[in-house]
């Protein structure tokens, strides 16, 4: 499993947390740190296609998230894995037709395994 697990719990345009998570993911990728990224709770909105920032005042992270997923899909060095939590998707009412592709959906047991096996955990 990964040395680093980044847990994204915050919606992309409510606080700066999701943008900071993206920045840390990019840093981990640049330094070849084996990383698992898990989007849970309102963080699953980061994986929504056609994101609408509204009048939040935040810069869009959509392109950066797509690039991160693209890197994971390409399997570059097998250093980056992207996951989302099944129950969080359900609770937020987000169906597969509204999501980007290229990540694995995990249940509670899978989530516990990913988080529990990481040497370092960062929560945003």
N, C-alpha and C. Protein backbone atom coordinates (compact mmCIF):
# COMPACT_ATOMS: atom_id res chain seq x y z
N UNK A 1 0.83 -1.19 0.00
CA UNK A 1 0.00 0.00 0.00
C UNK A 1 0.88 1.25 0.00
N UNK A 2 0.24 2.38 0.17
CA UNK A 2 0.92 3.66 0.03
C UNK A 2 1.67 4.08 1.29
N UNK A 3 2.70 4.87 1.07
CA UNK A 3 3.39 5.51 2.18
C UNK A 3 2.54 6.66 2.71
N UNK A 4 1.82 7.32 1.80
CA UNK A 4 1.03 8.49 2.14
C UNK A 4 -0.42 8.28 1.71
N UNK A 5 -1.33 8.61 2.60
CA UNK A 5 -2.75 8.60 2.25
C UNK A 5 -3.27 10.02 2.46
N UNK A 6 -3.86 10.57 1.41
CA UNK A 6 -4.47 11.90 1.49
C UNK A 6 -5.97 11.70 1.46
N UNK A 7 -6.61 12.08 2.54
CA UNK A 7 -8.05 11.94 2.71
C UNK A 7 -8.69 13.30 2.48
N UNK A 8 -9.53 13.39 1.44
CA UNK A 8 -10.17 14.66 1.10
C UNK A 8 -11.63 14.57 1.54
N UNK A 9 -11.97 15.35 2.57
CA UNK A 9 -13.31 15.30 3.17
C UNK A 9 -14.14 16.54 2.87
N UNK A 10 -13.52 17.58 2.34
CA UNK A 10 -14.18 18.87 2.19
C UNK A 10 -14.56 19.13 0.74
N UNK A 11 -15.74 19.69 0.53
CA UNK A 11 -16.19 20.04 -0.82
C UNK A 11 -15.20 21.03 -1.44
N UNK A 12 -15.09 21.02 -2.77
CA UNK A 12 -14.05 21.82 -3.43
C UNK A 12 -14.19 23.33 -3.29
N UNK A 13 -15.37 23.85 -3.09
CA UNK A 13 -15.51 25.31 -3.09
C UNK A 13 -16.17 25.84 -1.82
N UNK A 14 -15.95 25.14 -0.71
CA UNK A 14 -16.48 25.63 0.57
C UNK A 14 -15.37 26.17 1.46
N UNK A 15 -14.21 25.56 1.39
CA UNK A 15 -13.02 25.97 2.14
C UNK A 15 -11.82 25.73 1.24
N UNK A 16 -10.66 26.14 1.67
CA UNK A 16 -9.46 25.97 0.86
C UNK A 16 -8.91 24.54 0.95
N UNK A 17 -9.46 23.72 1.83
CA UNK A 17 -8.92 22.38 2.10
C UNK A 17 -8.75 21.53 0.85
N UNK A 18 -9.75 21.47 -0.02
CA UNK A 18 -9.66 20.62 -1.21
C UNK A 18 -8.54 21.11 -2.14
N UNK A 19 -8.42 22.41 -2.30
CA UNK A 19 -7.34 22.95 -3.13
C UNK A 19 -5.98 22.63 -2.53
N UNK A 20 -5.87 22.70 -1.22
CA UNK A 20 -4.62 22.33 -0.55
C UNK A 20 -4.32 20.85 -0.73
N UNK A 21 -5.34 20.02 -0.70
CA UNK A 21 -5.15 18.59 -0.94
C UNK A 21 -4.57 18.37 -2.33
N UNK A 22 -5.13 19.05 -3.33
CA UNK A 22 -4.64 18.93 -4.71
C UNK A 22 -3.18 19.36 -4.78
N UNK A 23 -2.84 20.43 -4.10
CA UNK A 23 -1.45 20.90 -4.09
C UNK A 23 -0.52 19.85 -3.48
N UNK A 24 -0.95 19.22 -2.40
CA UNK A 24 -0.13 18.19 -1.76
C UNK A 24 -0.05 16.92 -2.62
N UNK A 25 -1.12 16.59 -3.30
CA UNK A 25 -1.09 15.44 -4.22
C UNK A 25 -0.07 15.68 -5.32
N UNK A 26 -0.08 16.87 -5.89
CA UNK A 26 0.89 17.21 -6.94
C UNK A 26 2.31 17.15 -6.41
N UNK A 27 2.53 17.62 -5.19
CA UNK A 27 3.85 17.54 -4.58
C UNK A 27 4.31 16.11 -4.37
N UNK A 28 3.40 15.27 -3.92
CA UNK A 28 3.73 13.85 -3.74
C UNK A 28 4.08 13.20 -5.07
N UNK A 29 3.29 13.51 -6.11
CA UNK A 29 3.57 12.95 -7.44
C UNK A 29 4.93 13.41 -7.94
N UNK A 30 5.24 14.69 -7.77
CA UNK A 30 6.51 15.24 -8.25
C UNK A 30 7.70 14.59 -7.55
N UNK A 31 7.49 14.13 -6.33
CA UNK A 31 8.57 13.51 -5.57
C UNK A 31 8.49 12.00 -5.53
N UNK A 32 7.65 11.42 -6.41
CA UNK A 32 7.50 9.97 -6.52
C UNK A 32 7.16 9.29 -5.20
N UNK A 33 6.34 9.94 -4.40
CA UNK A 33 5.87 9.35 -3.15
C UNK A 33 4.67 8.47 -3.46
N UNK A 34 4.73 7.22 -3.06
CA UNK A 34 3.62 6.31 -3.29
C UNK A 34 2.43 6.81 -2.48
N UNK A 35 1.35 7.18 -3.18
CA UNK A 35 0.24 7.89 -2.55
C UNK A 35 -1.10 7.29 -2.92
N UNK A 36 -1.96 7.18 -1.92
CA UNK A 36 -3.37 6.86 -2.13
C UNK A 36 -4.17 8.10 -1.77
N UNK A 37 -5.09 8.47 -2.65
CA UNK A 37 -5.96 9.61 -2.40
C UNK A 37 -7.37 9.07 -2.28
N UNK A 38 -8.05 9.43 -1.19
CA UNK A 38 -9.40 8.95 -0.96
C UNK A 38 -10.33 10.15 -0.77
N UNK A 39 -11.36 10.23 -1.60
CA UNK A 39 -12.36 11.28 -1.50
C UNK A 39 -13.56 10.72 -0.72
N UNK A 40 -13.84 11.32 0.44
CA UNK A 40 -14.93 10.88 1.30
C UNK A 40 -15.79 12.08 1.71
N UNK A 41 -16.92 11.79 2.32
CA UNK A 41 -17.83 12.83 2.79
C UNK A 41 -18.08 13.83 1.64
N UNK A 42 -18.06 15.13 1.91
CA UNK A 42 -18.30 16.12 0.86
C UNK A 42 -17.14 16.23 -0.12
N UNK A 43 -16.01 15.60 0.18
CA UNK A 43 -14.88 15.59 -0.74
C UNK A 43 -15.18 14.90 -2.05
N UNK A 44 -16.23 14.05 -2.07
CA UNK A 44 -16.58 13.36 -3.32
C UNK A 44 -17.00 14.36 -4.40
N UNK A 45 -17.43 15.55 -4.00
CA UNK A 45 -17.80 16.57 -4.99
C UNK A 45 -16.60 17.00 -5.83
N UNK A 46 -15.38 16.76 -5.35
CA UNK A 46 -14.18 17.06 -6.14
C UNK A 46 -14.11 16.21 -7.40
N UNK A 47 -14.76 15.05 -7.38
CA UNK A 47 -14.74 14.12 -8.51
C UNK A 47 -15.93 14.31 -9.44
N UNK A 48 -16.74 15.29 -9.16
CA UNK A 48 -17.92 15.54 -9.98
C UNK A 48 -17.50 16.21 -11.28
N UNK A 49 -18.06 15.75 -12.38
CA UNK A 49 -17.78 16.34 -13.68
C UNK A 49 -18.53 17.66 -13.79
N UNK A 50 -18.01 18.57 -14.57
CA UNK A 50 -18.64 19.88 -14.80
C UNK A 50 -18.95 20.60 -13.49
N UNK A 51 -17.93 20.79 -12.70
CA UNK A 51 -18.09 21.47 -11.41
C UNK A 51 -18.50 22.93 -11.61
N UNK A 52 -19.34 23.41 -10.73
CA UNK A 52 -19.79 24.80 -10.75
C UNK A 52 -19.32 25.48 -9.47
N UNK A 53 -18.42 26.46 -9.63
CA UNK A 53 -17.89 27.17 -8.47
C UNK A 53 -18.89 28.17 -7.91
N UNK A 54 -19.87 28.52 -8.72
CA UNK A 54 -20.84 29.52 -8.28
C UNK A 54 -20.14 30.83 -7.95
N UNK A 55 -20.59 31.50 -6.93
CA UNK A 55 -19.97 32.76 -6.52
C UNK A 55 -19.10 32.56 -5.28
N UNK A 56 -18.45 31.40 -5.22
CA UNK A 56 -17.65 31.04 -4.04
C UNK A 56 -16.39 31.89 -3.90
N UNK A 57 -15.90 32.43 -5.01
CA UNK A 57 -14.65 33.18 -4.97
C UNK A 57 -13.42 32.29 -5.09
N UNK A 58 -13.61 30.99 -5.19
CA UNK A 58 -12.50 30.06 -5.32
C UNK A 58 -12.12 29.85 -6.78
N UNK A 59 -10.86 29.53 -7.02
CA UNK A 59 -10.39 29.15 -8.34
C UNK A 59 -10.77 27.69 -8.57
N UNK A 60 -11.13 27.35 -9.78
CA UNK A 60 -11.54 25.98 -10.10
C UNK A 60 -10.38 25.01 -9.91
N UNK A 61 -10.67 23.87 -9.29
CA UNK A 61 -9.66 22.81 -9.17
C UNK A 61 -9.98 21.66 -10.12
N UNK A 62 -11.01 21.82 -10.92
CA UNK A 62 -11.48 20.75 -11.80
C UNK A 62 -10.39 20.24 -12.73
N UNK A 63 -9.68 21.13 -13.40
CA UNK A 63 -8.63 20.72 -14.34
C UNK A 63 -7.52 19.97 -13.61
N UNK A 64 -7.16 20.44 -12.43
CA UNK A 64 -6.10 19.79 -11.66
C UNK A 64 -6.52 18.39 -11.22
N UNK A 65 -7.77 18.25 -10.80
CA UNK A 65 -8.28 16.93 -10.39
C UNK A 65 -8.29 15.98 -11.59
N UNK A 66 -8.72 16.47 -12.75
CA UNK A 66 -8.72 15.64 -13.96
C UNK A 66 -7.31 15.21 -14.32
N UNK A 67 -6.34 16.10 -14.18
CA UNK A 67 -4.95 15.77 -14.47
C UNK A 67 -4.42 14.71 -13.51
N UNK A 68 -4.76 14.84 -12.25
CA UNK A 68 -4.33 13.86 -11.24
C UNK A 68 -4.92 12.49 -11.56
N UNK A 69 -6.20 12.46 -11.89
CA UNK A 69 -6.85 11.19 -12.24
C UNK A 69 -6.22 10.61 -13.50
N UNK A 70 -5.92 11.47 -14.48
CA UNK A 70 -5.27 11.02 -15.71
C UNK A 70 -3.92 10.39 -15.43
N UNK A 71 -3.17 10.98 -14.52
CA UNK A 71 -1.87 10.43 -14.13
C UNK A 71 -2.04 9.06 -13.48
N UNK A 72 -3.02 8.95 -12.61
CA UNK A 72 -3.28 7.67 -11.94
C UNK A 72 -3.72 6.61 -12.94
N UNK A 73 -4.58 7.00 -13.89
CA UNK A 73 -5.05 6.05 -14.91
C UNK A 73 -3.91 5.58 -15.79
N UNK A 74 -2.97 6.47 -16.07
CA UNK A 74 -1.84 6.11 -16.92
C UNK A 74 -0.88 5.17 -16.20
N UNK A 75 -1.02 5.07 -14.88
CA UNK A 75 -0.18 4.15 -14.11
C UNK A 75 1.28 4.54 -14.08
N UNK A 76 1.55 5.83 -14.14
CA UNK A 76 2.93 6.31 -14.17
C UNK A 76 3.67 5.91 -12.89
N UNK A 77 4.49 4.89 -13.00
CA UNK A 77 5.28 4.44 -11.87
C UNK A 77 4.46 3.76 -10.78
N UNK A 78 3.18 3.59 -11.03
CA UNK A 78 2.28 2.96 -10.06
C UNK A 78 2.39 3.62 -8.68
N UNK A 79 2.60 4.94 -8.67
CA UNK A 79 2.77 5.64 -7.40
C UNK A 79 1.51 6.33 -6.91
N UNK A 80 0.48 6.40 -7.73
CA UNK A 80 -0.72 7.14 -7.34
C UNK A 80 -1.97 6.30 -7.58
N UNK A 81 -2.78 6.18 -6.55
CA UNK A 81 -4.06 5.48 -6.64
C UNK A 81 -5.15 6.43 -6.14
N UNK A 82 -6.27 6.47 -6.85
CA UNK A 82 -7.38 7.34 -6.50
C UNK A 82 -8.59 6.49 -6.13
N UNK A 83 -9.21 6.81 -5.01
CA UNK A 83 -10.38 6.08 -4.52
C UNK A 83 -11.47 7.07 -4.11
N UNK A 84 -12.69 6.58 -4.08
CA UNK A 84 -13.78 7.32 -3.45
C UNK A 84 -14.63 6.34 -2.66
N UNK A 85 -15.30 6.87 -1.68
CA UNK A 85 -16.08 6.08 -0.74
C UNK A 85 -17.51 5.90 -1.25
N UNK A 86 -17.91 4.67 -1.38
CA UNK A 86 -19.23 4.31 -1.91
C UNK A 86 -20.37 4.99 -1.14
N UNK A 87 -20.35 4.89 0.18
CA UNK A 87 -21.44 5.47 0.98
C UNK A 87 -21.46 6.99 0.90
N UNK A 88 -20.30 7.62 0.75
CA UNK A 88 -20.26 9.08 0.61
C UNK A 88 -20.92 9.51 -0.69
N UNK A 89 -20.66 8.77 -1.77
CA UNK A 89 -21.32 9.08 -3.04
C UNK A 89 -22.83 8.99 -2.89
N UNK A 90 -23.26 7.93 -2.22
CA UNK A 90 -24.70 7.72 -2.02
C UNK A 90 -25.31 8.84 -1.18
N UNK A 91 -24.64 9.19 -0.08
CA UNK A 91 -25.14 10.24 0.81
C UNK A 91 -25.22 11.60 0.12
N UNK A 92 -24.30 11.85 -0.80
CA UNK A 92 -24.29 13.13 -1.52
C UNK A 92 -25.18 13.09 -2.76
N UNK A 93 -25.75 11.92 -3.06
CA UNK A 93 -26.66 11.79 -4.20
C UNK A 93 -25.98 11.93 -5.55
N UNK A 94 -24.74 11.48 -5.63
CA UNK A 94 -23.98 11.60 -6.88
C UNK A 94 -23.91 10.24 -7.54
N UNK A 95 -24.49 10.12 -8.73
CA UNK A 95 -24.45 8.89 -9.49
C UNK A 95 -23.23 8.83 -10.39
N UNK A 96 -22.93 7.66 -10.90
CA UNK A 96 -21.78 7.46 -11.77
C UNK A 96 -21.84 8.33 -13.02
N UNK A 97 -23.04 8.65 -13.48
CA UNK A 97 -23.19 9.47 -14.68
C UNK A 97 -22.76 10.92 -14.46
N UNK A 98 -22.60 11.33 -13.23
CA UNK A 98 -22.21 12.71 -12.90
C UNK A 98 -20.73 12.82 -12.50
N UNK A 99 -20.03 11.69 -12.51
CA UNK A 99 -18.67 11.64 -12.01
C UNK A 99 -17.63 11.56 -13.12
N UNK A 100 -16.43 12.00 -12.81
CA UNK A 100 -15.30 11.73 -13.67
C UNK A 100 -15.04 10.23 -13.62
N UNK A 101 -14.21 9.72 -14.49
CA UNK A 101 -13.87 8.30 -14.43
C UNK A 101 -12.39 8.16 -14.09
N UNK A 102 -12.00 6.96 -13.69
CA UNK A 102 -10.59 6.69 -13.46
C UNK A 102 -10.21 6.49 -12.01
N UNK A 103 -11.18 6.24 -11.16
CA UNK A 103 -10.90 5.98 -9.76
C UNK A 103 -11.67 4.75 -9.33
N UNK A 104 -11.27 4.19 -8.20
CA UNK A 104 -11.91 2.99 -7.68
C UNK A 104 -12.86 3.36 -6.54
N UNK A 105 -14.04 2.79 -6.55
CA UNK A 105 -15.02 3.00 -5.48
C UNK A 105 -14.80 1.91 -4.43
N UNK A 106 -14.67 2.32 -3.16
CA UNK A 106 -14.43 1.37 -2.08
C UNK A 106 -15.52 1.47 -1.02
N UNK A 107 -15.76 0.35 -0.35
CA UNK A 107 -16.71 0.32 0.76
C UNK A 107 -15.97 0.66 2.06
N UNK A 108 -16.67 0.56 3.18
CA UNK A 108 -16.06 0.89 4.47
C UNK A 108 -14.82 0.04 4.76
N UNK A 109 -14.90 -1.24 4.44
CA UNK A 109 -13.77 -2.14 4.69
C UNK A 109 -12.56 -1.74 3.85
N UNK A 110 -12.80 -1.43 2.58
CA UNK A 110 -11.72 -0.99 1.70
C UNK A 110 -11.11 0.32 2.16
N UNK A 111 -11.97 1.23 2.60
CA UNK A 111 -11.50 2.52 3.12
C UNK A 111 -10.60 2.31 4.33
N UNK A 112 -11.04 1.47 5.24
CA UNK A 112 -10.25 1.19 6.45
C UNK A 112 -8.90 0.59 6.11
N UNK A 113 -8.87 -0.28 5.12
CA UNK A 113 -7.61 -0.92 4.72
C UNK A 113 -6.64 0.10 4.13
N UNK A 114 -7.15 0.99 3.27
CA UNK A 114 -6.30 2.00 2.64
C UNK A 114 -5.72 2.94 3.70
N UNK A 115 -6.59 3.47 4.55
CA UNK A 115 -6.16 4.42 5.57
C UNK A 115 -5.24 3.74 6.59
N UNK A 116 -5.60 2.55 7.00
CA UNK A 116 -4.83 1.85 8.02
C UNK A 116 -3.46 1.39 7.58
N UNK A 117 -3.26 1.22 6.29
CA UNK A 117 -1.98 0.72 5.80
C UNK A 117 -0.99 1.82 5.45
N UNK A 118 -1.42 3.07 5.46
CA UNK A 118 -0.53 4.18 5.11
C UNK A 118 0.40 4.51 6.28
N UNK A 119 1.63 4.89 5.94
CA UNK A 119 2.56 5.33 6.98
C UNK A 119 2.21 6.73 7.48
N UNK A 120 1.71 7.56 6.57
CA UNK A 120 1.35 8.93 6.91
C UNK A 120 -0.04 9.24 6.38
N UNK A 121 -0.84 9.92 7.18
CA UNK A 121 -2.20 10.29 6.78
C UNK A 121 -2.34 11.80 6.85
N UNK A 122 -2.81 12.39 5.76
CA UNK A 122 -3.11 13.82 5.71
C UNK A 122 -4.60 13.96 5.46
N UNK A 123 -5.27 14.76 6.26
CA UNK A 123 -6.72 14.93 6.13
C UNK A 123 -7.02 16.38 5.77
N UNK A 124 -7.79 16.54 4.71
CA UNK A 124 -8.18 17.88 4.24
C UNK A 124 -9.69 17.99 4.22
